Protein backbone atom coordinates (compact mmCIF):
# COMPACT_ATOMS: atom_id res chain seq x y z
CA UNK A 1 0.00 0.00 0.00
CA UNK A 2 1.36 3.42 -0.97
CA UNK A 3 0.58 6.17 1.50
CA UNK A 4 -0.16 9.58 0.07
CA UNK A 5 2.33 12.15 1.39
CA UNK A 6 0.90 14.65 3.83
CA UNK A 7 0.07 18.09 2.47
CA UNK A 8 2.65 20.70 3.45
CA UNK A 9 1.94 23.14 6.22
CA UNK A 10 1.63 26.59 4.67
CA UNK A 11 2.78 29.63 6.65
CA UNK A 12 1.52 33.19 6.26
CA UNK A 13 3.25 36.30 7.57
CA UNK A 14 2.40 37.27 11.12
CA UNK A 15 1.70 40.75 9.70
CA UNK A 16 -1.18 39.41 7.59
CA UNK A 17 -4.61 40.28 8.87
CA UNK A 18 -7.54 37.87 9.09
CA UNK A 19 -9.30 39.52 6.14
CA UNK A 20 -6.72 38.25 3.66
CA UNK A 21 -5.55 40.72 1.06
CA UNK A 22 -2.32 40.45 -0.91
CA UNK A 23 -0.66 37.65 1.03
CA UNK A 24 1.82 35.00 0.09
CA UNK A 25 2.22 31.73 1.94
CA UNK A 26 5.28 29.53 1.95
CA UNK A 27 5.78 25.92 2.97
CA UNK A 28 9.02 25.62 4.95
CA UNK A 29 8.61 21.85 5.45
CA UNK A 30 8.31 21.36 1.68
CA UNK A 31 11.65 22.96 0.74
CA UNK A 32 13.44 20.50 -1.52
CA UNK A 33 16.58 20.89 -3.56
CA UNK A 34 16.99 24.53 -2.61
CA UNK A 35 13.51 25.52 -3.85
CA UNK A 36 10.95 27.29 -1.66
CA UNK A 37 7.29 26.75 -2.62
CA UNK A 38 5.08 29.85 -2.39
CA UNK A 39 1.40 30.42 -3.24
CA UNK A 40 -1.34 33.04 -3.17
CA UNK A 41 -3.16 32.70 0.15
CA UNK A 42 -6.47 33.59 -1.52
CA UNK A 43 -6.19 30.61 -3.90
CA UNK A 44 -4.88 27.72 -1.78
CA UNK A 45 -5.81 25.11 -4.41
CA UNK A 46 -4.11 27.14 -7.14
CA UNK A 47 -0.61 26.77 -8.52
CA UNK A 48 2.56 27.16 -6.53
CA UNK A 49 5.70 28.96 -7.55
CA UNK A 50 9.07 27.55 -6.55
CA UNK A 51 11.82 30.09 -6.00
CA UNK A 52 15.42 29.47 -5.00
CA UNK A 53 16.13 29.59 -1.30
CA UNK A 54 18.67 32.35 -1.98
CA UNK A 55 16.09 34.39 -3.91
CA UNK A 56 13.53 33.88 -1.14
CA UNK A 57 16.07 35.13 1.40
CA UNK A 58 16.75 38.27 -0.64
CA UNK A 59 13.00 38.89 -0.97
CA UNK A 60 12.35 38.50 2.77
CA UNK A 61 15.33 40.71 3.65
CA UNK A 62 14.09 43.40 1.25
CA UNK A 63 10.67 43.32 2.92
CA UNK A 64 12.24 43.61 6.39
CA UNK A 65 14.35 46.60 5.40
CA UNK A 66 11.54 48.32 3.49
CA UNK A 67 13.41 48.38 0.19
CA UNK A 68 10.45 46.84 -1.66
PDB file of N, CA and C in Angstrom:
ATOM      1  N   UNK A   1       0.837  -1.178   0.000  1.00  0.00           N
ATOM      2  CA  UNK A   1       0.000   0.000   0.000  1.00  0.00           C
ATOM      3  C   UNK A   1       0.880   1.239   0.000  1.00  0.00           C
ATOM      4  N   UNK A   2       0.609   2.165  -0.894  1.00  0.00           N
ATOM      5  CA  UNK A   2       1.357   3.418  -0.971  1.00  0.00           C
ATOM      6  C   UNK A   2       0.587   4.503  -0.240  1.00  0.00           C
ATOM      7  N   UNK A   3       1.214   5.076   0.757  1.00  0.00           N
ATOM      8  CA  UNK A   3       0.583   6.169   1.501  1.00  0.00           C
ATOM      9  C   UNK A   3       0.791   7.473   0.758  1.00  0.00           C
ATOM     10  N   UNK A   4      -0.256   8.262   0.693  1.00  0.00           N
ATOM     11  CA  UNK A   4      -0.164   9.577   0.066  1.00  0.00           C
ATOM     12  C   UNK A   4       0.585  10.504   1.015  1.00  0.00           C
ATOM     13  N   UNK A   5       1.590  11.240   0.507  1.00  0.00           N
ATOM     14  CA  UNK A   5       2.326  12.152   1.389  1.00  0.00           C
ATOM     15  C   UNK A   5       1.404  13.223   1.963  1.00  0.00           C
ATOM     16  N   UNK A   6       1.700  13.623   3.171  1.00  0.00           N
ATOM     17  CA  UNK A   6       0.904  14.655   3.832  1.00  0.00           C
ATOM     18  C   UNK A   6       1.070  15.984   3.112  1.00  0.00           C
ATOM     19  N   UNK A   7       0.008  16.749   3.072  1.00  0.00           N
ATOM     20  CA  UNK A   7       0.066  18.088   2.472  1.00  0.00           C
ATOM     21  C   UNK A   7       0.979  18.960   3.312  1.00  0.00           C
ATOM     22  N   UNK A   8       1.746  19.836   2.673  1.00  0.00           N
ATOM     23  CA  UNK A   8       2.648  20.695   3.449  1.00  0.00           C
ATOM     24  C   UNK A   8       1.881  21.700   4.298  1.00  0.00           C
ATOM     25  N   UNK A   9       2.500  22.091   5.371  1.00  0.00           N
ATOM     26  CA  UNK A   9       1.942  23.140   6.222  1.00  0.00           C
ATOM     27  C   UNK A   9       2.354  24.483   5.624  1.00  0.00           C
ATOM     28  N   UNK A  10       1.367  25.289   5.262  1.00  0.00           N
ATOM     29  CA  UNK A  10       1.628  26.593   4.669  1.00  0.00           C
ATOM     30  C   UNK A  10       1.645  27.651   5.751  1.00  0.00           C
ATOM     31  N   UNK A  11       2.579  28.589   5.652  1.00  0.00           N
ATOM     32  CA  UNK A  11       2.785  29.630   6.654  1.00  0.00           C
ATOM     33  C   UNK A  11       2.547  30.992   6.011  1.00  0.00           C
ATOM     34  N   UNK A  12       1.787  31.828   6.717  1.00  0.00           N
ATOM     35  CA  UNK A  12       1.523  33.192   6.255  1.00  0.00           C
ATOM     36  C   UNK A  12       2.230  34.152   7.211  1.00  0.00           C
ATOM     37  N   UNK A  13       2.588  35.298   6.739  1.00  0.00           N
ATOM     38  CA  UNK A  13       3.247  36.305   7.565  1.00  0.00           C
ATOM     39  C   UNK A  13       2.413  36.645   8.799  1.00  0.00           C
ATOM     40  N   UNK A  14       3.090  36.857   9.902  1.00  0.00           N
ATOM     41  CA  UNK A  14       2.400  37.273  11.119  1.00  0.00           C
ATOM     42  C   UNK A  14       1.816  38.670  10.967  1.00  0.00           C
ATOM     43  N   UNK A  15       2.235  39.410   9.957  1.00  0.00           N
ATOM     44  CA  UNK A  15       1.700  40.748   9.698  1.00  0.00           C
ATOM     45  C   UNK A  15       0.408  40.709   8.886  1.00  0.00           C
ATOM     46  N   UNK A  16       0.042  39.538   8.382  1.00  0.00           N
ATOM     47  CA  UNK A  16      -1.176  39.407   7.587  1.00  0.00           C
ATOM     48  C   UNK A  16      -2.392  39.451   8.497  1.00  0.00           C
ATOM     49  N   UNK A  17      -3.379  40.193   8.090  1.00  0.00           N
ATOM     50  CA  UNK A  17      -4.610  40.280   8.869  1.00  0.00           C
ATOM     51  C   UNK A  17      -5.548  39.135   8.530  1.00  0.00           C
ATOM     52  N   UNK A  18      -6.596  38.956   9.321  1.00  0.00           N
ATOM     53  CA  UNK A  18      -7.537  37.866   9.087  1.00  0.00           C
ATOM     54  C   UNK A  18      -8.390  38.047   7.837  1.00  0.00           C
ATOM     55  N   UNK A  19      -8.468  39.271   7.313  1.00  0.00           N
ATOM     56  CA  UNK A  19      -9.298  39.524   6.142  1.00  0.00           C
ATOM     57  C   UNK A  19      -8.621  39.152   4.829  1.00  0.00           C
ATOM     58  N   UNK A  20      -7.407  38.676   4.880  1.00  0.00           N
ATOM     59  CA  UNK A  20      -6.718  38.253   3.657  1.00  0.00           C
ATOM     60  C   UNK A  20      -5.975  39.407   3.022  1.00  0.00           C
ATOM     61  N   UNK A  21      -6.246  39.665   1.767  1.00  0.00           N
ATOM     62  CA  UNK A  21      -5.546  40.721   1.059  1.00  0.00           C
ATOM     63  C   UNK A  21      -4.482  40.134   0.159  1.00  0.00           C
ATOM     64  N   UNK A  22      -3.412  40.878  -0.030  1.00  0.00           N
ATOM     65  CA  UNK A  22      -2.324  40.450  -0.909  1.00  0.00           C
ATOM     66  C   UNK A  22      -1.282  39.689  -0.105  1.00  0.00           C
ATOM     67  N   UNK A  23      -1.561  38.447   0.182  1.00  0.00           N
ATOM     68  CA  UNK A  23      -0.661  37.654   1.029  1.00  0.00           C
ATOM     69  C   UNK A  23      -0.081  36.469   0.269  1.00  0.00           C
ATOM     70  N   UNK A  24       1.162  36.211   0.564  1.00  0.00           N
ATOM     71  CA  UNK A  24       1.818  34.999   0.090  1.00  0.00           C
ATOM     72  C   UNK A  24       1.952  34.045   1.256  1.00  0.00           C
ATOM     73  N   UNK A  25       1.924  32.763   0.952  1.00  0.00           N
ATOM     74  CA  UNK A  25       2.217  31.735   1.942  1.00  0.00           C
ATOM     75  C   UNK A  25       3.407  30.941   1.427  1.00  0.00           C
ATOM     76  N   UNK A  26       4.165  30.392   2.335  1.00  0.00           N
ATOM     77  CA  UNK A  26       5.282  29.533   1.951  1.00  0.00           C
ATOM     78  C   UNK A  26       5.222  28.275   2.794  1.00  0.00           C
ATOM     79  N   UNK A  27       5.833  27.220   2.294  1.00  0.00           N
ATOM     80  CA  UNK A  27       5.785  25.919   2.967  1.00  0.00           C
ATOM     81  C   UNK A  27       7.197  25.505   3.358  1.00  0.00           C
ATOM     82  N   UNK A  28       7.646  25.916   4.556  1.00  0.00           N
ATOM     83  CA  UNK A  28       9.023  25.618   4.953  1.00  0.00           C
ATOM     84  C   UNK A  28       9.343  24.131   5.024  1.00  0.00           C
ATOM     85  N   UNK A  29       8.364  23.296   5.366  1.00  0.00           N
ATOM     86  CA  UNK A  29       8.610  21.855   5.446  1.00  0.00           C
ATOM     87  C   UNK A  29       8.730  21.205   4.070  1.00  0.00           C
ATOM     88  N   UNK A  30       8.296  21.916   3.027  1.00  0.00           N
ATOM     89  CA  UNK A  30       8.308  21.355   1.678  1.00  0.00           C
ATOM     90  C   UNK A  30       9.507  21.809   0.853  1.00  0.00           C
ATOM     91  N   UNK A  31      10.456  22.512   1.474  1.00  0.00           N
ATOM     92  CA  UNK A  31      11.646  22.962   0.740  1.00  0.00           C
ATOM     93  C   UNK A  31      12.454  21.748   0.324  1.00  0.00           C
ATOM     94  N   UNK A  32      12.685  21.622  -0.980  1.00  0.00           N
ATOM     95  CA  UNK A  32      13.439  20.495  -1.524  1.00  0.00           C
ATOM     96  C   UNK A  32      14.409  21.006  -2.575  1.00  0.00           C
ATOM     97  N   UNK A  33      15.611  20.532  -2.534  1.00  0.00           N
ATOM     98  CA  UNK A  33      16.578  20.886  -3.557  1.00  0.00           C
ATOM     99  C   UNK A  33      16.838  22.366  -3.687  1.00  0.00           C
ATOM    100  N   UNK A  34      16.720  23.101  -2.576  1.00  0.00           N
ATOM    101  CA  UNK A  34      16.990  24.529  -2.613  1.00  0.00           C
ATOM    102  C   UNK A  34      15.860  25.364  -3.172  1.00  0.00           C
ATOM    103  N   UNK A  35      14.655  24.780  -3.325  1.00  0.00           N
ATOM    104  CA  UNK A  35      13.511  25.518  -3.852  1.00  0.00           C
ATOM    105  C   UNK A  35      12.467  25.715  -2.760  1.00  0.00           C
ATOM    106  N   UNK A  36      11.957  26.938  -2.659  1.00  0.00           N
ATOM    107  CA  UNK A  36      10.953  27.292  -1.658  1.00  0.00           C
ATOM    108  C   UNK A  36       9.607  27.433  -2.369  1.00  0.00           C
ATOM    109  N   UNK A  37       8.602  26.618  -1.996  1.00  0.00           N
ATOM    110  CA  UNK A  37       7.288  26.754  -2.624  1.00  0.00           C
ATOM    111  C   UNK A  37       6.507  27.904  -1.996  1.00  0.00           C
ATOM    112  N   UNK A  38       5.929  28.754  -2.860  1.00  0.00           N
ATOM    113  CA  UNK A  38       5.077  29.850  -2.389  1.00  0.00           C
ATOM    114  C   UNK A  38       3.765  29.802  -3.160  1.00  0.00           C
ATOM    115  N   UNK A  39       2.710  30.385  -2.579  1.00  0.00           N
ATOM    116  CA  UNK A  39       1.404  30.421  -3.244  1.00  0.00           C
ATOM    117  C   UNK A  39       0.629  31.650  -2.775  1.00  0.00           C
ATOM    118  N   UNK A  40      -0.421  31.956  -3.515  1.00  0.00           N
ATOM    119  CA  UNK A  40      -1.339  33.041  -3.166  1.00  0.00           C
ATOM    120  C   UNK A  40      -2.275  32.514  -2.089  1.00  0.00           C
ATOM    121  N   UNK A  41      -2.337  33.184  -0.950  1.00  0.00           N
ATOM    122  CA  UNK A  41      -3.162  32.698   0.153  1.00  0.00           C
ATOM    123  C   UNK A  41      -4.648  32.719  -0.174  1.00  0.00           C
ATOM    124  N   UNK A  42      -5.060  33.530  -1.139  1.00  0.00           N
ATOM    125  CA  UNK A  42      -6.473  33.594  -1.519  1.00  0.00           C
ATOM    126  C   UNK A  42      -6.885  32.429  -2.402  1.00  0.00           C
ATOM    127  N   UNK A  43      -5.895  31.721  -2.981  1.00  0.00           N
ATOM    128  CA  UNK A  43      -6.186  30.615  -3.897  1.00  0.00           C
ATOM    129  C   UNK A  43      -5.363  29.389  -3.456  1.00  0.00           C
ATOM    130  N   UNK A  44      -5.697  28.809  -2.304  1.00  0.00           N
ATOM    131  CA  UNK A  44      -4.876  27.718  -1.783  1.00  0.00           C
ATOM    132  C   UNK A  44      -4.822  26.480  -2.677  1.00  0.00           C
ATOM    133  N   UNK A  45      -5.832  26.266  -3.502  1.00  0.00           N
ATOM    134  CA  UNK A  45      -5.806  25.114  -4.406  1.00  0.00           C
ATOM    135  C   UNK A  45      -5.157  25.459  -5.744  1.00  0.00           C
ATOM    136  N   UNK A  46      -4.716  26.694  -5.887  1.00  0.00           N
ATOM    137  CA  UNK A  46      -4.115  27.137  -7.138  1.00  0.00           C
ATOM    138  C   UNK A  46      -2.669  26.690  -7.275  1.00  0.00           C
ATOM    139  N   UNK A  47      -1.994  27.180  -8.275  1.00  0.00           N
ATOM    140  CA  UNK A  47      -0.611  26.768  -8.524  1.00  0.00           C
ATOM    141  C   UNK A  47       0.351  27.323  -7.477  1.00  0.00           C
ATOM    142  N   UNK A  48       1.484  26.665  -7.381  1.00  0.00           N
ATOM    143  CA  UNK A  48       2.559  27.160  -6.527  1.00  0.00           C
ATOM    144  C   UNK A  48       3.702  27.614  -7.417  1.00  0.00           C
ATOM    145  N   UNK A  49       4.506  28.477  -6.873  1.00  0.00           N
ATOM    146  CA  UNK A  49       5.700  28.962  -7.553  1.00  0.00           C
ATOM    147  C   UNK A  49       6.878  28.565  -6.689  1.00  0.00           C
ATOM    148  N   UNK A  50       7.866  27.923  -7.284  1.00  0.00           N
ATOM    149  CA  UNK A  50       9.073  27.546  -6.553  1.00  0.00           C
ATOM    150  C   UNK A  50      10.181  28.525  -6.877  1.00  0.00           C
ATOM    151  N   UNK A  51      10.718  29.149  -5.831  1.00  0.00           N
ATOM    152  CA  UNK A  51      11.822  30.087  -6.000  1.00  0.00           C
ATOM    153  C   UNK A  51      13.041  29.534  -5.265  1.00  0.00           C
ATOM    154  N   UNK A  52      14.209  29.955  -5.669  1.00  0.00           N
ATOM    155  CA  UNK A  52      15.424  29.474  -5.005  1.00  0.00           C
ATOM    156  C   UNK A  52      15.439  29.958  -3.562  1.00  0.00           C
ATOM    157  N   UNK A  53      16.054  29.170  -2.694  1.00  0.00           N
ATOM    158  CA  UNK A  53      16.127  29.592  -1.295  1.00  0.00           C
ATOM    159  C   UNK A  53      16.917  30.893  -1.161  1.00  0.00           C
ATOM    160  N   UNK A  54      17.914  31.091  -2.010  1.00  0.00           N
ATOM    161  CA  UNK A  54      18.672  32.349  -1.979  1.00  0.00           C
ATOM    162  C   UNK A  54      17.786  33.519  -2.398  1.00  0.00           C
ATOM    163  N   UNK A  55      17.001  33.338  -3.455  1.00  0.00           N
ATOM    164  CA  UNK A  55      16.091  34.385  -3.911  1.00  0.00           C
ATOM    165  C   UNK A  55      15.028  34.705  -2.879  1.00  0.00           C
ATOM    166  N   UNK A  56      14.520  33.681  -2.207  1.00  0.00           N
ATOM    167  CA  UNK A  56      13.529  33.882  -1.142  1.00  0.00           C
ATOM    168  C   UNK A  56      14.146  34.697  -0.006  1.00  0.00           C
ATOM    169  N   UNK A  57      15.384  34.382   0.343  1.00  0.00           N
ATOM    170  CA  UNK A  57      16.072  35.128   1.400  1.00  0.00           C
ATOM    171  C   UNK A  57      16.243  36.593   1.053  1.00  0.00           C
ATOM    172  N   UNK A  58      16.604  36.880  -0.190  1.00  0.00           N
ATOM    173  CA  UNK A  58      16.755  38.268  -0.640  1.00  0.00           C
ATOM    174  C   UNK A  58      15.407  38.984  -0.577  1.00  0.00           C
ATOM    175  N   UNK A  59      14.343  38.322  -1.006  1.00  0.00           N
ATOM    176  CA  UNK A  59      12.998  38.888  -0.973  1.00  0.00           C
ATOM    177  C   UNK A  59      12.577  39.225   0.457  1.00  0.00           C
ATOM    178  N   UNK A  60      12.741  38.281   1.369  1.00  0.00           N
ATOM    179  CA  UNK A  60      12.354  38.503   2.773  1.00  0.00           C
ATOM    180  C   UNK A  60      13.186  39.621   3.390  1.00  0.00           C
ATOM    181  N   UNK A  61      14.480  39.634   3.121  1.00  0.00           N
ATOM    182  CA  UNK A  61      15.329  40.706   3.651  1.00  0.00           C
ATOM    183  C   UNK A  61      14.903  42.071   3.120  1.00  0.00           C
ATOM    184  N   UNK A  62      14.539  42.138   1.840  1.00  0.00           N
ATOM    185  CA  UNK A  62      14.095  43.397   1.252  1.00  0.00           C
ATOM    186  C   UNK A  62      12.790  43.875   1.905  1.00  0.00           C
ATOM    187  N   UNK A  63      11.901  42.947   2.228  1.00  0.00           N
ATOM    188  CA  UNK A  63      10.668  43.325   2.925  1.00  0.00           C
ATOM    189  C   UNK A  63      10.979  43.855   4.320  1.00  0.00           C
ATOM    190  N   UNK A  64      11.898  43.197   5.004  1.00  0.00           N
ATOM    191  CA  UNK A  64      12.240  43.611   6.385  1.00  0.00           C
ATOM    192  C   UNK A  64      12.869  44.986   6.417  1.00  0.00           C
ATOM    193  N   UNK A  65      13.659  45.313   5.414  1.00  0.00           N
ATOM    194  CA  UNK A  65      14.351  46.598   5.400  1.00  0.00           C
ATOM    195  C   UNK A  65      13.531  47.699   4.735  1.00  0.00           C
ATOM    196  N   UNK A  66      12.396  47.337   4.147  1.00  0.00           N
ATOM    197  CA  UNK A  66      11.538  48.323   3.494  1.00  0.00           C
ATOM    198  C   UNK A  66      12.012  48.745   2.126  1.00  0.00           C
ATOM    199  N   UNK A  67      12.914  47.981   1.521  1.00  0.00           N
ATOM    200  CA  UNK A  67      13.410  48.377   0.194  1.00  0.00           C
ATOM    201  C   UNK A  67      12.529  47.872  -0.952  1.00  0.00           C
ATOM    202  N   UNK A  68      11.425  47.235  -0.631  1.00  0.00           N
ATOM    203  CA  UNK A  68      10.448  46.836  -1.664  1.00  0.00           C
ATOM    204  C   UNK A  68       9.194  47.652  -1.522  1.00  0.00           C
TER     205      UNK A  68
END
